[in-house]
Amino acid sequence: EMSSRSHYASVRRAYDAALFYSHGPYTNWLAAACLDSLQLLPRHRLADVGGGSGGFASTLRQAVGGKRGCGSLTVVEPSGEMLDGALETPLVDAAVCSDAVG
């Protein structure tokens, strides 16, 4: 049986290339819909709970001017392997390994 850790270690390799997480028409549409609702300002802090490798939240932050357009970006994710990817993403300021229980 595959452990959760080894599962996410293998998933991370394909995660950002998946339709829902790769940069493309769907992600751009979703980001625009979120930004219309959020109306991010430089003083706002953005947290992506269950944010995986931070790609989608980085897309949001980039759309509002990167680090100048949004105060900070934190990714909360239960998988340490996915957080490793988030910490490699330049627009992510912090990553927290946590789940609903801990």
N, C-alpha and C. Protein backbone atom coordinates (compact mmCIF):
# COMPACT_ATOMS: atom_id res chain seq x y z
N GLU A 1 0.84 -1.19 0.00
CA GLU A 1 0.00 0.00 0.00
C GLU A 1 0.88 1.24 0.00
N MET A 2 0.52 2.22 -0.82
CA MET A 2 1.29 3.44 -0.95
C MET A 2 0.94 4.40 0.19
N SER A 3 1.94 4.97 0.83
CA SER A 3 1.69 5.94 1.89
C SER A 3 1.28 7.27 1.28
N SER A 4 0.68 8.12 2.10
CA SER A 4 0.29 9.45 1.65
C SER A 4 1.51 10.22 1.18
N ARG A 5 2.61 10.10 1.91
CA ARG A 5 3.85 10.81 1.56
C ARG A 5 4.36 10.39 0.18
N SER A 6 4.43 9.09 -0.06
CA SER A 6 4.93 8.63 -1.36
C SER A 6 3.93 8.95 -2.48
N HIS A 7 2.63 8.94 -2.15
CA HIS A 7 1.63 9.31 -3.14
C HIS A 7 1.85 10.74 -3.62
N TYR A 8 1.98 11.68 -2.69
CA TYR A 8 2.15 13.07 -3.08
C TYR A 8 3.52 13.35 -3.69
N ALA A 9 4.50 12.56 -3.34
CA ALA A 9 5.80 12.70 -4.00
C ALA A 9 5.67 12.38 -5.48
N SER A 10 4.86 11.37 -5.82
CA SER A 10 4.66 11.03 -7.23
C SER A 10 3.68 12.00 -7.90
N VAL A 11 2.67 12.44 -7.18
CA VAL A 11 1.68 13.37 -7.74
C VAL A 11 2.31 14.71 -8.08
N ARG A 12 3.21 15.16 -7.24
CA ARG A 12 3.80 16.49 -7.45
C ARG A 12 4.43 16.63 -8.83
N ARG A 13 4.98 15.56 -9.33
CA ARG A 13 5.64 15.63 -10.64
C ARG A 13 4.66 15.98 -11.75
N ALA A 14 3.41 15.57 -11.63
CA ALA A 14 2.42 15.80 -12.69
C ALA A 14 1.42 16.90 -12.33
N TYR A 15 1.41 17.34 -11.09
CA TYR A 15 0.39 18.24 -10.56
C TYR A 15 0.25 19.53 -11.37
N ASP A 16 1.34 20.25 -11.55
CA ASP A 16 1.25 21.54 -12.22
C ASP A 16 0.94 21.43 -13.71
N ALA A 17 1.14 20.26 -14.28
CA ALA A 17 0.82 20.07 -15.70
C ALA A 17 -0.63 19.65 -15.91
N ALA A 18 -1.35 19.31 -14.84
CA ALA A 18 -2.74 18.88 -14.95
C ALA A 18 -3.61 20.04 -15.43
N LEU A 19 -4.69 19.71 -16.12
CA LEU A 19 -5.58 20.72 -16.71
C LEU A 19 -5.99 21.79 -15.71
N PHE A 20 -6.37 21.42 -14.51
CA PHE A 20 -6.89 22.38 -13.55
C PHE A 20 -5.80 23.25 -12.92
N TYR A 21 -4.54 22.86 -13.05
CA TYR A 21 -3.48 23.60 -12.37
C TYR A 21 -2.47 24.22 -13.32
N SER A 22 -2.46 23.81 -14.58
CA SER A 22 -1.50 24.36 -15.52
C SER A 22 -1.98 25.73 -16.00
N HIS A 23 -1.05 26.54 -16.46
CA HIS A 23 -1.43 27.84 -17.00
C HIS A 23 -2.06 27.62 -18.36
N GLY A 24 -3.26 28.11 -18.52
CA GLY A 24 -3.98 27.93 -19.78
C GLY A 24 -5.35 28.55 -19.67
N PRO A 25 -6.23 28.29 -20.63
CA PRO A 25 -7.54 28.93 -20.67
C PRO A 25 -8.38 28.73 -19.40
N TYR A 26 -8.42 27.49 -18.88
CA TYR A 26 -9.24 27.25 -17.69
C TYR A 26 -8.70 28.01 -16.48
N THR A 27 -7.40 27.93 -16.25
CA THR A 27 -6.79 28.63 -15.11
C THR A 27 -6.97 30.14 -15.24
N ASN A 28 -6.79 30.65 -16.45
CA ASN A 28 -6.97 32.10 -16.66
C ASN A 28 -8.41 32.52 -16.39
N TRP A 29 -9.37 31.71 -16.84
CA TRP A 29 -10.79 32.02 -16.59
C TRP A 29 -11.09 32.00 -15.09
N LEU A 30 -10.61 30.96 -14.40
CA LEU A 30 -10.86 30.83 -12.98
C LEU A 30 -10.20 31.97 -12.20
N ALA A 31 -8.99 32.32 -12.57
CA ALA A 31 -8.29 33.42 -11.91
C ALA A 31 -9.06 34.73 -12.09
N ALA A 32 -9.54 34.99 -13.30
CA ALA A 32 -10.31 36.22 -13.55
C ALA A 32 -11.58 36.24 -12.71
N ALA A 33 -12.26 35.10 -12.60
CA ALA A 33 -13.48 35.04 -11.79
C ALA A 33 -13.16 35.28 -10.32
N CYS A 34 -12.09 34.70 -9.83
CA CYS A 34 -11.69 34.91 -8.43
C CYS A 34 -11.30 36.36 -8.18
N LEU A 35 -10.54 36.93 -9.09
CA LEU A 35 -10.09 38.31 -8.92
C LEU A 35 -11.25 39.29 -8.95
N ASP A 36 -12.25 39.02 -9.77
CA ASP A 36 -13.44 39.88 -9.79
C ASP A 36 -14.11 39.87 -8.42
N SER A 37 -14.12 38.73 -7.77
CA SER A 37 -14.76 38.59 -6.47
C SER A 37 -13.87 39.12 -5.34
N LEU A 38 -12.58 38.83 -5.39
CA LEU A 38 -11.68 39.18 -4.29
C LEU A 38 -11.28 40.64 -4.25
N GLN A 39 -11.07 41.25 -5.40
CA GLN A 39 -10.62 42.63 -5.50
C GLN A 39 -9.40 42.87 -4.60
N LEU A 40 -8.32 42.11 -4.86
CA LEU A 40 -7.11 42.18 -4.05
C LEU A 40 -6.45 43.56 -4.12
N LEU A 41 -5.96 44.01 -2.99
CA LEU A 41 -5.23 45.27 -2.88
C LEU A 41 -3.87 45.00 -2.25
N PRO A 42 -2.91 45.94 -2.37
CA PRO A 42 -1.57 45.71 -1.83
C PRO A 42 -1.54 45.37 -0.33
N ARG A 43 -2.49 45.82 0.44
CA ARG A 43 -2.49 45.55 1.88
C ARG A 43 -3.08 44.17 2.23
N HIS A 44 -3.68 43.51 1.26
CA HIS A 44 -4.31 42.22 1.51
C HIS A 44 -3.29 41.09 1.59
N ARG A 45 -3.62 40.11 2.43
CA ARG A 45 -2.83 38.89 2.53
C ARG A 45 -3.66 37.77 1.94
N LEU A 46 -3.06 36.99 1.07
CA LEU A 46 -3.74 35.90 0.39
C LEU A 46 -3.26 34.58 0.96
N ALA A 47 -4.19 33.73 1.37
CA ALA A 47 -3.87 32.38 1.84
C ALA A 47 -4.60 31.38 0.96
N ASP A 48 -3.87 30.43 0.46
CA ASP A 48 -4.46 29.38 -0.35
C ASP A 48 -4.44 28.10 0.48
N VAL A 49 -5.60 27.73 1.01
CA VAL A 49 -5.72 26.54 1.85
C VAL A 49 -5.94 25.34 0.93
N GLY A 50 -5.07 24.35 1.07
CA GLY A 50 -5.08 23.22 0.14
C GLY A 50 -4.45 23.62 -1.17
N GLY A 51 -3.49 24.54 -1.10
CA GLY A 51 -2.92 25.17 -2.29
C GLY A 51 -1.89 24.38 -3.07
N GLY A 52 -1.65 23.13 -2.68
CA GLY A 52 -0.71 22.31 -3.44
C GLY A 52 0.65 22.97 -3.57
N SER A 53 1.11 23.12 -4.79
CA SER A 53 2.44 23.69 -5.02
C SER A 53 2.40 25.21 -5.19
N GLY A 54 1.25 25.83 -4.94
CA GLY A 54 1.16 27.29 -4.97
C GLY A 54 0.95 27.91 -6.33
N GLY A 55 0.80 27.10 -7.34
CA GLY A 55 0.68 27.64 -8.70
C GLY A 55 -0.52 28.52 -8.94
N PHE A 56 -1.70 28.10 -8.48
CA PHE A 56 -2.90 28.89 -8.75
C PHE A 56 -2.87 30.21 -7.98
N ALA A 57 -2.51 30.16 -6.71
CA ALA A 57 -2.43 31.40 -5.93
C ALA A 57 -1.38 32.34 -6.51
N SER A 58 -0.31 31.78 -7.03
CA SER A 58 0.71 32.61 -7.69
C SER A 58 0.13 33.28 -8.93
N THR A 59 -0.74 32.55 -9.65
CA THR A 59 -1.41 33.13 -10.82
C THR A 59 -2.25 34.33 -10.40
N LEU A 60 -2.97 34.19 -9.28
CA LEU A 60 -3.77 35.31 -8.78
C LEU A 60 -2.87 36.50 -8.42
N ARG A 61 -1.81 36.21 -7.70
CA ARG A 61 -0.91 37.28 -7.26
C ARG A 61 -0.25 37.96 -8.46
N GLN A 62 0.17 37.19 -9.42
CA GLN A 62 0.80 37.75 -10.62
C GLN A 62 -0.18 38.66 -11.36
N ALA A 63 -1.45 38.26 -11.41
CA ALA A 63 -2.46 39.04 -12.14
C ALA A 63 -2.70 40.41 -11.51
N VAL A 64 -2.40 40.57 -10.23
CA VAL A 64 -2.59 41.87 -9.58
C VAL A 64 -1.26 42.59 -9.34
N GLY A 65 -0.23 42.20 -10.08
CA GLY A 65 1.04 42.92 -10.00
C GLY A 65 2.12 42.25 -9.20
N GLY A 66 2.01 40.95 -8.97
CA GLY A 66 3.06 40.23 -8.24
C GLY A 66 3.16 40.69 -6.80
N LYS A 67 4.38 40.78 -6.30
CA LYS A 67 4.58 41.14 -4.89
C LYS A 67 4.18 42.59 -4.61
N ARG A 68 4.15 43.43 -5.63
CA ARG A 68 3.70 44.81 -5.43
C ARG A 68 2.18 44.91 -5.35
N GLY A 69 1.47 43.93 -5.93
CA GLY A 69 0.02 44.02 -6.04
C GLY A 69 -0.75 43.36 -4.92
N CYS A 70 -0.10 42.56 -4.11
CA CYS A 70 -0.78 41.85 -3.02
C CYS A 70 0.22 41.71 -1.88
N GLY A 71 -0.22 41.99 -0.66
CA GLY A 71 0.67 42.03 0.49
C GLY A 71 1.51 40.80 0.72
N SER A 72 0.91 39.64 0.76
CA SER A 72 1.67 38.41 0.96
C SER A 72 0.85 37.22 0.49
N LEU A 73 1.54 36.12 0.26
CA LEU A 73 0.90 34.89 -0.19
C LEU A 73 1.43 33.73 0.65
N THR A 74 0.50 33.05 1.35
CA THR A 74 0.83 31.88 2.14
C THR A 74 0.06 30.69 1.60
N VAL A 75 0.74 29.58 1.43
CA VAL A 75 0.11 28.34 0.99
C VAL A 75 0.02 27.41 2.21
N VAL A 76 -1.18 26.90 2.47
CA VAL A 76 -1.40 25.92 3.53
C VAL A 76 -1.73 24.60 2.85
N GLU A 77 -0.99 23.56 3.18
CA GLU A 77 -1.11 22.29 2.47
C GLU A 77 -0.71 21.16 3.41
N PRO A 78 -1.47 20.05 3.46
CA PRO A 78 -1.10 18.95 4.34
C PRO A 78 0.08 18.12 3.84
N SER A 79 0.43 18.22 2.58
CA SER A 79 1.50 17.42 2.01
C SER A 79 2.81 18.19 1.97
N GLY A 80 3.80 17.69 2.70
CA GLY A 80 5.11 18.32 2.69
C GLY A 80 5.73 18.33 1.30
N GLU A 81 5.47 17.29 0.53
CA GLU A 81 6.02 17.22 -0.82
C GLU A 81 5.45 18.33 -1.71
N MET A 82 4.16 18.60 -1.58
CA MET A 82 3.56 19.68 -2.36
C MET A 82 4.09 21.03 -1.89
N LEU A 83 4.29 21.17 -0.58
CA LEU A 83 4.82 22.43 -0.05
C LEU A 83 6.24 22.70 -0.54
N ASP A 84 7.00 21.64 -0.77
CA ASP A 84 8.33 21.85 -1.35
C ASP A 84 8.21 22.60 -2.67
N GLY A 85 7.21 22.24 -3.46
CA GLY A 85 6.97 22.94 -4.72
C GLY A 85 6.56 24.38 -4.50
N ALA A 86 5.71 24.61 -3.48
CA ALA A 86 5.28 25.98 -3.18
C ALA A 86 6.46 26.86 -2.79
N LEU A 87 7.37 26.30 -2.00
CA LEU A 87 8.53 27.07 -1.56
C LEU A 87 9.49 27.38 -2.71
N GLU A 88 9.39 26.65 -3.80
CA GLU A 88 10.21 26.91 -4.98
C GLU A 88 9.56 27.95 -5.89
N THR A 89 8.33 28.36 -5.57
CA THR A 89 7.59 29.31 -6.39
C THR A 89 7.90 30.73 -5.90
N PRO A 90 8.47 31.58 -6.76
CA PRO A 90 8.94 32.90 -6.31
C PRO A 90 7.87 33.79 -5.68
N LEU A 91 6.61 33.66 -6.05
CA LEU A 91 5.58 34.55 -5.52
C LEU A 91 4.99 34.06 -4.20
N VAL A 92 5.40 32.90 -3.72
CA VAL A 92 4.93 32.38 -2.43
C VAL A 92 5.87 32.88 -1.33
N ASP A 93 5.31 33.54 -0.33
CA ASP A 93 6.11 34.07 0.78
C ASP A 93 6.30 33.06 1.90
N ALA A 94 5.29 32.24 2.15
CA ALA A 94 5.36 31.29 3.25
C ALA A 94 4.54 30.06 2.92
N ALA A 95 4.93 28.95 3.52
CA ALA A 95 4.19 27.69 3.33
C ALA A 95 4.02 27.05 4.69
N VAL A 96 2.80 26.57 4.98
CA VAL A 96 2.48 25.96 6.26
C VAL A 96 1.97 24.56 6.01
N CYS A 97 2.60 23.59 6.67
CA CYS A 97 2.17 22.21 6.53
C CYS A 97 1.14 21.93 7.63
N SER A 98 -0.13 21.83 7.24
CA SER A 98 -1.20 21.60 8.20
C SER A 98 -2.40 21.01 7.49
N ASP A 99 -3.25 20.35 8.27
CA ASP A 99 -4.50 19.84 7.73
C ASP A 99 -5.63 20.24 8.69
N ALA A 100 -6.82 19.78 8.42
CA ALA A 100 -7.97 20.17 9.24
C ALA A 100 -7.87 19.65 10.67
N VAL A 101 -7.08 18.62 10.88
CA VAL A 101 -6.95 18.04 12.21
C VAL A 101 -5.84 18.71 13.00
N GLY A 102 -4.70 18.99 12.35
CA GLY A 102 -3.53 19.47 13.08
C GLY A 102 -3.11 20.79 12.67
